[in-house]
N, C-alpha and C. Protein backbone atom coordinates (compact mmCIF):
# COMPACT_ATOMS: atom_id res chain seq x y z
N MET A 1 174.69 89.86 97.28
CA MET A 1 173.22 89.88 96.71
C MET A 1 173.58 91.51 97.39
N LYS A 2 173.29 92.40 96.09
CA LYS A 2 172.57 93.74 96.70
C LYS A 2 170.59 93.44 97.33
N ASN A 3 170.10 92.99 96.34
CA ASN A 3 168.61 93.20 97.11
C ASN A 3 168.36 91.40 97.21
N LYS A 4 168.83 91.37 98.33
CA LYS A 4 168.36 90.11 99.22
C LYS A 4 167.42 90.12 99.05
N PRO A 5 167.12 89.29 98.91
CA PRO A 5 165.31 88.74 100.30
C PRO A 5 165.38 88.98 101.46
N LYS A 6 164.38 89.41 101.97
CA LYS A 6 164.02 89.19 103.57
C LYS A 6 163.33 88.87 104.23
N ILE A 7 163.51 87.92 104.52
CA ILE A 7 162.98 87.07 105.21
C ILE A 7 162.82 86.59 106.57
N GLY A 8 161.79 86.32 107.42
CA GLY A 8 161.35 86.57 108.84
C GLY A 8 159.41 86.22 109.19
N PRO A 9 159.27 87.10 110.29
CA PRO A 9 158.13 86.65 110.56
C PRO A 9 156.72 87.50 109.39
N ASN A 10 156.48 88.08 108.01
CA ASN A 10 156.13 88.46 107.24
C ASN A 10 156.00 86.73 106.03
N LEU A 11 156.50 85.62 107.10
CA LEU A 11 156.01 84.38 105.96
C LEU A 11 154.53 84.22 106.59
N LYS A 12 154.38 84.09 107.49
CA LYS A 12 153.34 83.04 107.72
C LYS A 12 152.19 84.65 106.93
N LYS A 13 152.04 85.64 107.15
CA LYS A 13 151.05 87.02 106.67
C LYS A 13 150.95 86.32 105.27
N LEU A 14 151.66 85.71 104.35
CA LEU A 14 151.44 85.13 103.22
C LEU A 14 151.40 83.70 103.37
N GLY A 15 151.12 82.91 103.85
CA GLY A 15 150.17 81.82 104.05
C GLY A 15 150.96 81.02 103.51
N LEU A 16 152.30 80.73 104.46
CA LEU A 16 152.91 80.26 104.02
C LEU A 16 153.99 79.24 104.42
N LYS A 17 153.15 77.80 105.00
CA LYS A 17 153.77 77.38 105.86
C LYS A 17 154.37 75.69 105.19
N TYR A 18 155.56 75.63 106.32
CA TYR A 18 156.01 74.02 106.10
C TYR A 18 155.40 72.85 106.87
N ASP A 19 156.05 71.97 105.75
CA ASP A 19 154.69 70.66 107.14
C ASP A 19 156.76 69.09 107.34
N ARG A 20 157.01 69.80 107.56
CA ARG A 20 158.57 68.73 108.37
C ARG A 20 158.20 67.06 107.90
N ALA A 21 156.52 67.02 108.00
CA ALA A 21 156.61 65.60 108.29
C ALA A 21 156.25 64.85 106.77
N SER A 22 155.81 65.71 105.91
CA SER A 22 156.15 65.51 104.91
C SER A 22 156.82 66.50 103.84
N ASP A 23 157.71 66.97 104.14
CA ASP A 23 158.86 67.86 103.70
C ASP A 23 158.20 68.01 102.61
N SER A 24 157.15 69.47 102.71
CA SER A 24 156.04 69.52 101.34
C SER A 24 156.45 71.50 102.13
N LEU A 25 156.20 71.95 101.36
CA LEU A 25 156.17 73.74 101.77
C LEU A 25 154.86 74.51 100.51
N TYR A 26 153.71 74.98 101.56
CA TYR A 26 152.77 75.25 100.85
C TYR A 26 152.31 77.20 100.64
N LEU A 27 151.88 77.93 100.07
CA LEU A 27 151.90 79.13 99.87
C LEU A 27 150.81 79.34 99.48
N ALA A 28 149.25 79.48 100.68
CA ALA A 28 147.89 80.02 100.15
C ALA A 28 147.86 80.90 99.42
N ILE A 29 146.93 81.34 98.46
CA ILE A 29 146.67 81.92 97.84
C ILE A 29 145.14 82.48 98.34
N LYS A 30 144.98 81.66 98.51
CA LYS A 30 142.95 81.91 99.16
C LYS A 30 142.50 80.61 99.43
N GLU A 31 141.47 81.05 100.63
CA GLU A 31 141.04 79.79 101.46
C GLU A 31 140.06 78.96 100.91
N GLY A 32 140.23 78.05 101.07
CA GLY A 32 139.38 77.35 100.86
C GLY A 32 139.53 75.69 100.73
N PRO A 33 138.83 75.22 99.97
CA PRO A 33 139.28 73.49 100.22
C PRO A 33 139.56 73.54 98.31
N GLU A 34 140.84 72.26 98.52
CA GLU A 34 141.46 71.75 97.35
C GLU A 34 140.00 71.33 96.51
N ASP A 35 140.04 72.09 94.51
CA ASP A 35 139.32 70.15 94.59
C ASP A 35 140.20 69.69 93.21
N ASN A 36 141.37 70.39 93.17
CA ASN A 36 142.29 69.64 91.96
C ASN A 36 143.33 70.38 91.92
N PHE A 37 144.50 69.60 91.31
CA PHE A 37 145.80 70.57 91.62
C PHE A 37 146.33 69.97 89.86
N ILE A 38 147.07 70.58 88.90
CA ILE A 38 147.66 70.85 88.12
C ILE A 38 149.66 71.29 88.80
N GLU A 39 150.17 69.89 88.24
CA GLU A 39 151.81 69.25 89.07
C GLU A 39 152.15 70.21 87.56
N LEU A 40 152.99 71.65 87.87
CA LEU A 40 153.78 72.71 86.82
C LEU A 40 155.01 72.06 86.93
N ALA A 41 155.49 71.16 87.50
CA ALA A 41 156.73 70.58 87.09
C ALA A 41 157.03 69.24 87.98
N PRO A 42 157.42 68.40 87.96
CA PRO A 42 157.94 67.82 89.71
C PRO A 42 158.06 68.13 90.04
N ASN A 43 157.15 67.91 91.31
CA ASN A 43 156.70 68.17 92.63
C ASN A 43 156.48 69.28 93.15
N ILE A 44 156.01 69.96 92.56
CA ILE A 44 155.32 71.39 91.92
C ILE A 44 153.76 71.47 91.37
N ASN A 45 153.42 71.71 92.64
CA ASN A 45 150.97 71.76 92.13
C ASN A 45 151.06 72.95 91.91
N LEU A 46 150.32 72.91 91.10
CA LEU A 46 149.51 74.58 91.15
C LEU A 46 147.44 73.99 91.78
N GLU A 47 147.01 74.39 93.65
CA GLU A 47 145.79 73.90 93.22
C GLU A 47 145.16 74.61 93.23
N TYR A 48 143.49 74.48 92.70
CA TYR A 48 142.75 75.18 92.94
C TYR A 48 141.54 74.91 93.11
N ASN A 49 140.87 75.25 92.86
CA ASN A 49 139.51 75.02 93.83
C ASN A 49 137.59 74.48 92.71
N LYS A 50 136.88 74.76 93.43
CA LYS A 50 135.80 74.49 92.31
C LYS A 50 135.35 74.94 91.09
N LYS A 51 135.82 76.00 92.29
CA LYS A 51 135.58 76.91 90.98
C LYS A 51 136.56 77.17 89.80
N ARG A 52 137.62 77.06 89.70
CA ARG A 52 138.97 76.60 88.97
C ARG A 52 139.87 78.10 89.51
N GLU A 53 139.98 78.57 90.55
CA GLU A 53 140.38 79.63 91.20
C GLU A 53 141.39 78.94 91.59
N ILE A 54 143.06 79.61 91.52
CA ILE A 54 143.37 79.57 92.27
C ILE A 54 143.73 79.26 93.76
N ILE A 55 143.88 78.86 94.65
CA ILE A 55 144.29 78.66 95.37
C ILE A 55 145.35 78.72 96.37
N GLY A 56 146.05 77.97 95.74
CA GLY A 56 147.98 77.58 96.35
C GLY A 56 148.75 76.62 95.76
N PHE A 57 149.81 77.36 96.43
CA PHE A 57 151.16 76.42 95.30
C PHE A 57 152.49 75.63 96.01
N GLU A 58 152.12 74.73 96.08
CA GLU A 58 152.83 73.65 96.43
C GLU A 58 153.74 72.46 96.07
N ILE A 59 155.52 72.55 97.31
CA ILE A 59 156.64 72.25 96.07
C ILE A 59 156.81 71.31 97.17
N LEU A 60 156.16 69.43 97.17
CA LEU A 60 157.05 68.78 97.39
C LEU A 60 158.52 68.54 97.50
N ASN A 61 159.09 67.68 98.70
CA ASN A 61 160.36 67.40 98.88
C ASN A 61 161.35 68.31 98.42
N PHE A 62 160.52 69.79 100.23
CA PHE A 62 161.02 70.64 99.30
C PHE A 62 162.53 71.16 100.09
N THR A 63 163.31 70.44 101.05
CA THR A 63 164.50 71.05 101.71
C THR A 63 165.57 70.13 100.19
N ASP A 64 164.97 69.07 99.69
CA ASP A 64 165.54 68.49 98.07
C ASP A 64 165.40 69.73 97.07
N PHE A 65 164.90 70.35 97.02
CA PHE A 65 164.12 71.04 95.86
C PHE A 65 164.93 72.18 96.03
N LEU A 66 165.59 72.38 97.06
CA LEU A 66 166.44 74.07 97.66
C LEU A 66 168.08 73.15 97.40
N LYS A 67 168.07 72.37 98.18
CA LYS A 67 169.50 71.90 98.36
C LYS A 67 170.09 71.54 97.17
N ASN A 68 168.90 71.14 95.44
CA ASN A 68 169.66 71.34 94.29
C ASN A 68 169.64 72.64 93.47
N ARG A 69 169.52 73.39 94.25
CA ARG A 69 170.10 75.29 93.15
C ARG A 69 170.90 75.49 93.76
N ASN A 70 171.41 76.58 93.29
CA ASN A 70 172.64 77.32 93.46
C ASN A 70 172.17 79.15 93.52
N ASP A 71 172.27 78.80 95.11
CA ASP A 71 171.67 79.74 95.54
C ASP A 71 172.23 80.20 96.67
N SER A 72 172.54 81.25 97.30
CA SER A 72 173.47 81.35 98.28
C SER A 72 172.59 81.80 99.91
N ASN A 73 171.08 82.43 99.33
CA ASN A 73 170.55 82.65 100.77
C ASN A 73 169.67 81.29 101.04
N ILE A 74 170.09 80.28 100.20
CA ILE A 74 169.33 78.88 100.89
C ILE A 74 169.72 78.62 101.40
N SER A 75 170.31 78.05 101.90
CA SER A 75 171.02 78.45 103.38
C SER A 75 170.03 79.25 104.66
N GLU A 76 170.24 80.49 104.76
CA GLU A 76 169.12 80.88 105.29
C GLU A 76 168.04 81.06 105.05
N ILE A 77 167.36 80.17 104.16
CA ILE A 77 165.62 79.85 103.98
C ILE A 77 165.91 79.25 105.04
N LEU A 78 166.25 77.95 104.98
CA LEU A 78 166.56 76.06 105.07
C LEU A 78 166.74 76.79 107.27
N LYS A 79 167.13 78.52 107.51
CA LYS A 79 166.91 77.86 108.42
C LYS A 79 165.61 78.79 109.44
N VAL A 80 165.37 80.06 108.22
CA VAL A 80 163.77 80.65 108.74
C VAL A 80 162.52 79.40 109.16
N LEU A 81 162.91 78.81 108.79
CA LEU A 81 161.76 77.51 108.29
C LEU A 81 162.34 76.10 109.01
N ASP A 82 163.60 76.00 109.57
CA ASP A 82 163.99 75.46 110.32
C ASP A 82 163.67 74.43 109.78
N VAL A 83 164.60 73.63 108.38
CA VAL A 83 164.56 72.58 108.06
C VAL A 83 166.18 71.76 107.83
N SER A 84 166.60 72.67 108.31
CA SER A 84 168.40 72.37 107.88
C SER A 84 168.69 70.89 108.74
């Protein structure tokens, strides 16, 4: 793959967090408490605050989500997140 995405320490700067206990990946866009969410697809949620501003995305059952994709970078992503 020519334009392989760079995966490394910048992930935390984006607000990307993986919770091993719940097997969920969260991408924070804006700080603040969640008021509600919209399920975009099974196990993929768009979270927003009281002002209805998007504050983040959450992928539940993240390792299953990745393993069901046909992408050569998946094993690399799993290694970085230490979920393999």
